[in-house]
Amino acid sequence: MNLKKLSIAILAGLSLSAFAGELKVGGMNGPESDLLVAAQQVAKEKFGLDVEIVRFDDYVTPNIALADGSIDLNAFQHRPYLDRMVKDRGFKLAVVGDTFVYPIGAYSKKIKKVEELKDGATIAVPNDPSNEGRTLILLHNKGLITLTDPKNLEASVLDIKENPHNYDFKEVEAAQLPRMLDEVDLAFINSGFAVESGLTPSEDAIFSEGKDSPYMNIIVSREEDKDKEDIKKFVQAYQSDAVKAAAEKAFKGAAVAGWGEADTKAKVAEKTEKVEEAKKSESAEKTQ
């Protein structure tokens, strides 16, 4: 075989083997990592698929790594967050499966119930657009503030129409929120970071989202890879009883599976449809 033919053969082999039984999957450090380990084991035992887990400490890098080809999948975000990243950065990414809803909750070391929250209290909220909006909508629904548009999933503190109790809002990176509990009166923390810091969402959250939250976490691939067999096999491995059991243990009952339970999926689908309708309505109003 001459050099030219050898080079072509090597390139063809690389192309064919890019997903030949091996995947790199990105996720967050903390309890969500335990779920990926469970999926990794199922993928190997059931499909002979080797999965390397790549762990991250922030919400931005996993999508960058996926878009640039450093990893093949990630499983850490909900759809509104992905939509925002795609809009802002132009990533060509696709949802290939549902994982869990991890309700965001309000935590405090200073009060035991929301009625104890004093006027002028300091409230820490996530500073990324989707989770900040998620938090403010929860506060609006509790009657603590009034938003200009409670359907705006990317509301910020600038969208607060009425703040009758003069709360002081601090926008903080989501991973840092548990460390703020000594400094603020109330902090809104994602379940993953809450559990990682030793909190039990079902017991320690003063209040939280309902289990019919539209913020279903998802498995994401590059658009061009969404139909590849190894991608489908990993989704099947993740959507397994072993991963459900790992989630029950890791999140102490706070994670709600997005597959295998018709009622849960129907509720999430209904909520997601309403979210999409609200977004379309908002977009139409802006163009008028």
Protein backbone atom coordinates (compact mmCIF):
# COMPACT_ATOMS: atom_id res chain seq x y z
CA MET A 1 0.00 0.00 0.00
CA ASN A 2 1.48 3.37 -0.99
CA LEU A 3 1.61 6.38 1.32
CA LYS A 4 -1.43 8.10 -0.22
CA LYS A 5 -3.62 5.00 0.15
CA LEU A 6 -2.34 4.46 3.69
CA SER A 7 -3.24 8.02 4.64
CA ILE A 8 -6.75 7.64 3.22
CA ALA A 9 -7.19 4.37 5.10
CA ILE A 10 -6.09 5.94 8.38
CA LEU A 11 -8.44 8.90 7.96
CA ALA A 12 -11.32 6.60 7.10
CA GLY A 13 -10.58 4.51 10.15
CA LEU A 14 -10.52 7.54 12.41
CA SER A 15 -13.84 8.70 11.01
CA LEU A 16 -15.47 5.32 11.56
CA SER A 17 -14.06 4.89 15.05
CA ALA A 18 -14.93 8.31 16.45
CA PHE A 19 -17.91 6.73 18.21
CA ALA A 20 -16.80 3.08 17.95
CA GLY A 21 -17.77 2.05 21.46
CA GLU A 22 -16.26 5.08 23.23
CA LEU A 23 -17.82 8.30 24.47
CA LYS A 24 -16.70 11.25 26.57
CA VAL A 25 -19.59 12.57 28.67
CA GLY A 26 -19.44 15.84 30.57
CA GLY A 27 -21.19 16.49 33.86
CA MET A 28 -20.94 18.50 37.05
CA ASN A 29 -18.81 17.64 40.04
CA GLY A 30 -20.94 16.61 43.00
CA PRO A 31 -23.89 14.22 43.30
CA GLU A 32 -24.78 14.39 39.60
CA SER A 33 -21.45 12.70 38.98
CA ASP A 34 -22.73 9.61 40.83
CA LEU A 35 -25.51 9.30 38.28
CA LEU A 36 -23.05 9.38 35.39
CA VAL A 37 -21.01 6.65 37.08
CA ALA A 38 -24.15 4.49 37.29
CA ALA A 39 -24.91 5.15 33.60
CA GLN A 40 -21.30 4.41 32.73
CA GLN A 41 -21.58 0.97 34.33
CA VAL A 42 -24.87 0.16 32.59
CA ALA A 43 -23.44 1.29 29.24
CA LYS A 44 -20.48 -1.03 29.62
CA GLU A 45 -22.44 -4.04 30.89
CA LYS A 46 -25.39 -3.78 28.50
CA PHE A 47 -23.84 -2.33 25.35
CA GLY A 48 -20.07 -2.82 25.69
CA LEU A 49 -19.81 0.98 25.48
CA ASP A 50 -16.82 2.61 27.17
CA VAL A 51 -17.73 5.95 28.73
CA GLU A 52 -15.21 8.45 30.06
CA ILE A 53 -16.70 10.96 32.50
CA VAL A 54 -15.37 14.52 32.28
CA ARG A 55 -16.25 16.61 35.33
CA PHE A 56 -16.77 20.38 35.39
CA ASP A 57 -17.18 22.99 38.15
CA ASP A 58 -19.19 25.62 36.27
CA TYR A 59 -22.22 25.78 33.99
CA VAL A 60 -20.56 27.39 30.97
CA THR A 61 -17.62 25.14 30.11
CA PRO A 62 -19.54 21.87 29.45
CA ASN A 63 -21.33 23.35 26.43
CA ILE A 64 -18.13 24.94 25.12
CA ALA A 65 -16.38 21.57 25.42
CA LEU A 66 -19.24 19.84 23.62
CA ALA A 67 -19.34 22.39 20.82
CA ASP A 68 -15.59 22.23 20.20
CA GLY A 69 -15.50 18.41 20.19
CA SER A 70 -13.66 17.90 23.48
CA ILE A 71 -16.56 15.75 24.71
CA ASP A 72 -19.36 13.89 22.91
CA LEU A 73 -22.28 14.52 25.28
CA ASN A 74 -23.12 16.43 28.40
CA ALA A 75 -25.77 15.91 31.07
CA PHE A 76 -26.02 18.85 33.48
CA GLN A 77 -28.49 21.50 32.26
CA HIS A 78 -32.18 22.14 31.71
CA ARG A 79 -33.67 23.18 28.40
CA PRO A 80 -34.16 26.93 29.15
CA TYR A 81 -30.45 27.17 30.01
CA LEU A 82 -29.44 25.34 26.82
CA ASP A 83 -31.72 27.57 24.76
CA ARG A 84 -30.00 30.64 26.21
CA MET A 85 -26.52 29.28 25.50
CA VAL A 86 -27.47 28.39 21.92
CA LYS A 87 -28.96 31.85 21.40
CA ASP A 88 -25.97 33.67 22.88
CA ARG A 89 -23.16 31.59 21.40
CA GLY A 90 -24.64 29.97 18.30
CA PHE A 91 -23.84 26.41 19.38
CA LYS A 92 -25.29 23.68 17.16
CA LEU A 93 -26.45 21.35 19.92
CA ALA A 94 -29.37 18.93 20.22
CA VAL A 95 -31.38 17.40 23.07
CA VAL A 96 -31.20 13.61 22.89
CA GLY A 97 -32.83 12.59 26.18
CA ASP A 98 -34.40 13.65 29.48
CA THR A 99 -32.79 13.02 32.86
CA PHE A 100 -34.23 14.52 36.06
CA VAL A 101 -35.93 17.59 37.47
CA TYR A 102 -33.86 19.01 40.33
CA PRO A 103 -36.12 21.56 42.06
CA ILE A 104 -34.43 24.79 43.12
CA GLY A 105 -35.08 25.72 46.73
CA ALA A 106 -34.80 28.53 49.29
CA TYR A 107 -32.38 27.85 52.16
CA SER A 108 -31.42 29.79 55.25
CA LYS A 109 -29.42 29.54 58.46
CA LYS A 110 -31.31 32.45 59.98
CA ILE A 111 -34.99 31.61 59.52
CA LYS A 112 -37.09 28.45 59.60
CA LYS A 113 -40.12 29.62 57.63
CA VAL A 114 -40.76 32.27 55.01
CA GLU A 115 -42.98 34.32 57.35
CA GLU A 116 -39.87 35.09 59.40
CA LEU A 117 -38.18 36.85 56.48
CA LYS A 118 -37.87 40.48 57.55
CA ASP A 119 -38.19 43.65 55.49
CA GLY A 120 -34.83 44.57 54.00
CA ALA A 121 -33.61 40.96 54.11
CA THR A 122 -30.70 39.99 51.86
CA ILE A 123 -31.54 37.32 49.30
CA ALA A 124 -28.91 35.57 47.17
CA VAL A 125 -30.00 34.32 43.75
CA PRO A 126 -28.16 32.53 40.89
CA ASN A 127 -26.58 34.97 38.45
CA ASP A 128 -27.08 32.95 35.24
CA PRO A 129 -30.14 34.16 33.29
CA SER A 130 -32.26 31.00 33.33
CA ASN A 131 -31.78 30.10 36.99
CA GLU A 132 -32.15 33.70 38.13
CA GLY A 133 -35.42 33.93 36.23
CA ARG A 134 -36.47 30.60 37.69
CA THR A 135 -35.81 31.91 41.20
CA LEU A 136 -37.59 35.23 40.72
CA ILE A 137 -40.65 33.47 39.28
CA LEU A 138 -40.71 31.31 42.40
CA LEU A 139 -40.56 34.43 44.60
CA HIS A 140 -43.31 36.03 42.50
CA ASN A 141 -45.49 32.93 42.88
CA LYS A 142 -44.96 33.06 46.66
CA GLY A 143 -46.22 36.66 46.67
CA LEU A 144 -42.94 38.10 47.94
CA ILE A 145 -42.27 40.25 44.87
CA THR A 146 -44.09 41.19 41.68
CA LEU A 147 -42.42 40.76 38.32
CA THR A 148 -43.20 42.89 35.29
CA ASP A 149 -43.72 39.68 33.34
CA PRO A 150 -43.86 36.47 35.41
CA LYS A 151 -43.70 34.42 32.19
CA ASN A 152 -40.26 35.78 31.33
CA LEU A 153 -37.95 32.83 32.01
CA GLU A 154 -34.91 35.09 31.88
CA ALA A 155 -36.13 37.75 34.30
CA SER A 156 -33.48 39.55 36.34
CA VAL A 157 -33.70 41.79 39.39
CA LEU A 158 -34.20 44.66 36.95
CA ASP A 159 -37.55 43.08 36.02
CA ILE A 160 -38.94 43.34 39.55
CA LYS A 161 -41.95 45.64 39.35
CA GLU A 162 -42.77 45.68 43.05
CA ASN A 163 -40.51 44.87 46.00
CA PRO A 164 -42.77 45.80 48.94
CA HIS A 165 -40.42 44.34 51.55
CA ASN A 166 -37.34 46.11 50.14
CA TYR A 167 -35.36 42.90 49.79
CA ASP A 168 -31.71 43.34 48.86
CA PHE A 169 -30.87 40.92 46.04
CA LYS A 170 -27.35 39.62 45.47
CA GLU A 171 -26.61 37.86 42.19
CA VAL A 172 -24.08 35.08 42.81
CA GLU A 173 -22.59 32.25 40.73
CA ALA A 174 -24.75 29.17 41.37
CA ALA A 175 -21.91 27.01 42.71
CA GLN A 176 -21.04 29.64 45.33
CA LEU A 177 -24.54 30.01 46.78
CA PRO A 178 -24.19 27.43 49.59
CA ARG A 179 -21.20 29.39 50.89
CA MET A 180 -23.34 32.51 51.09
CA LEU A 181 -25.68 31.10 53.73
CA ASP A 182 -23.70 32.67 56.57
CA GLU A 183 -23.84 36.08 54.91
CA VAL A 184 -27.43 36.34 53.66
CA ASP A 185 -30.91 35.77 55.02
CA LEU A 186 -32.04 33.52 52.19
CA ALA A 187 -30.28 31.80 49.30
CA PHE A 188 -31.77 29.96 46.33
CA ILE A 189 -29.71 26.86 45.60
CA ASN A 190 -29.99 24.19 42.91
CA SER A 191 -30.51 20.69 44.35
CA GLY A 192 -27.12 19.45 43.14
CA PHE A 193 -25.16 22.16 44.90
CA ALA A 194 -27.42 21.89 47.95
CA VAL A 195 -26.78 18.17 48.39
CA GLU A 196 -23.06 18.60 47.70
CA SER A 197 -22.87 21.11 50.56
CA GLY A 198 -24.58 18.74 53.00
CA LEU A 199 -28.16 20.00 52.72
CA THR A 200 -31.18 17.72 52.27
CA PRO A 201 -33.61 19.49 49.90
CA SER A 202 -36.70 17.65 51.10
CA GLU A 203 -35.95 18.63 54.71
CA ASP A 204 -33.86 21.82 54.65
CA ALA A 205 -35.50 23.88 51.90
CA ILE A 206 -37.92 26.45 53.34
CA PHE A 207 -39.81 26.25 50.06
CA SER A 208 -39.00 25.02 46.58
CA GLU A 209 -40.39 24.40 43.11
CA GLY A 210 -43.08 21.78 42.70
CA LYS A 211 -42.27 18.44 41.14
CA ASP A 212 -44.08 19.52 37.95
CA SER A 213 -41.36 22.08 37.23
CA PRO A 214 -40.67 22.56 33.49
CA TYR A 215 -36.93 22.65 34.21
CA MET A 216 -36.21 19.09 33.14
CA ASN A 217 -32.50 18.37 32.86
CA ILE A 218 -31.39 16.88 29.58
CA ILE A 219 -28.68 14.94 27.75
CA VAL A 220 -27.20 17.00 24.93
CA SER A 221 -25.06 16.15 21.90
CA ARG A 222 -23.84 18.04 18.88
CA GLU A 223 -26.58 18.41 16.27
CA GLU A 224 -24.62 16.33 13.75
CA ASP A 225 -24.25 13.40 16.16
CA LYS A 226 -27.75 13.14 17.63
CA ASP A 227 -28.75 10.03 15.65
CA LYS A 228 -25.56 8.02 16.18
CA GLU A 229 -26.05 4.60 17.75
CA ASP A 230 -23.59 5.11 20.61
CA ILE A 231 -25.43 8.29 21.59
CA LYS A 232 -28.73 6.38 21.68
CA LYS A 233 -27.14 3.58 23.70
CA PHE A 234 -25.88 6.01 26.32
CA VAL A 235 -29.32 7.60 26.63
CA GLN A 236 -30.78 4.13 27.22
CA ALA A 237 -28.09 3.41 29.79
CA TYR A 238 -28.86 6.66 31.60
CA GLN A 239 -32.62 6.12 31.53
CA SER A 240 -32.31 2.95 33.60
CA ASP A 241 -33.36 1.68 37.00
CA ALA A 242 -29.73 1.74 38.15
CA VAL A 243 -29.50 5.48 37.52
CA LYS A 244 -32.87 6.07 39.21
CA ALA A 245 -31.57 4.25 42.29
CA ALA A 246 -28.36 6.30 42.23
CA ALA A 247 -30.40 9.52 42.00
CA GLU A 248 -32.60 8.49 44.93
CA LYS A 249 -29.50 7.94 47.05
CA ALA A 250 -27.50 10.95 45.85
CA PHE A 251 -30.32 13.51 45.98
CA LYS A 252 -32.16 12.08 48.98
CA GLY A 253 -35.49 11.94 47.19
CA ALA A 254 -35.23 15.40 45.59
CA ALA A 255 -34.68 14.23 41.98
CA VAL A 256 -37.69 13.41 39.78
CA ALA A 257 -37.02 11.10 36.82
CA GLY A 258 -38.15 12.35 33.42
CA TRP A 259 -38.71 8.93 31.88
CA GLY A 260 -40.62 5.74 32.60
CA GLU A 261 -43.37 7.50 34.54
CA ALA A 262 -46.18 8.62 32.25
CA ASP A 263 -47.60 11.11 34.74
CA THR A 264 -44.28 12.87 35.29
CA LYS A 265 -43.50 13.05 31.57
CA ALA A 266 -46.98 14.33 30.78
CA LYS A 267 -46.70 17.07 33.38
CA VAL A 268 -43.27 18.12 32.17
CA ALA A 269 -44.40 18.07 28.52
CA GLU A 270 -47.41 20.20 29.38
CA LYS A 271 -45.26 22.70 31.28
CA THR A 272 -42.64 22.78 28.52
CA GLU A 273 -45.36 23.48 25.94
CA LYS A 274 -46.60 26.39 28.04
CA VAL A 275 -43.05 27.70 28.37
CA GLU A 276 -42.54 27.56 24.61
CA GLU A 277 -45.86 29.33 24.02
CA ALA A 278 -44.87 32.06 26.45
CA LYS A 279 -41.52 32.50 24.72
CA LYS A 280 -43.18 32.75 21.29
CA SER A 281 -45.68 35.26 22.64
CA GLU A 282 -42.89 37.35 24.16
CA SER A 283 -40.92 37.23 20.91
CA ALA A 284 -43.98 38.31 18.90
CA GLU A 285 -44.60 41.25 21.25
CA LYS A 286 -40.99 42.43 20.88
CA THR A 287 -41.25 42.43 17.07
CA GLN A 288 -44.38 44.52 17.07
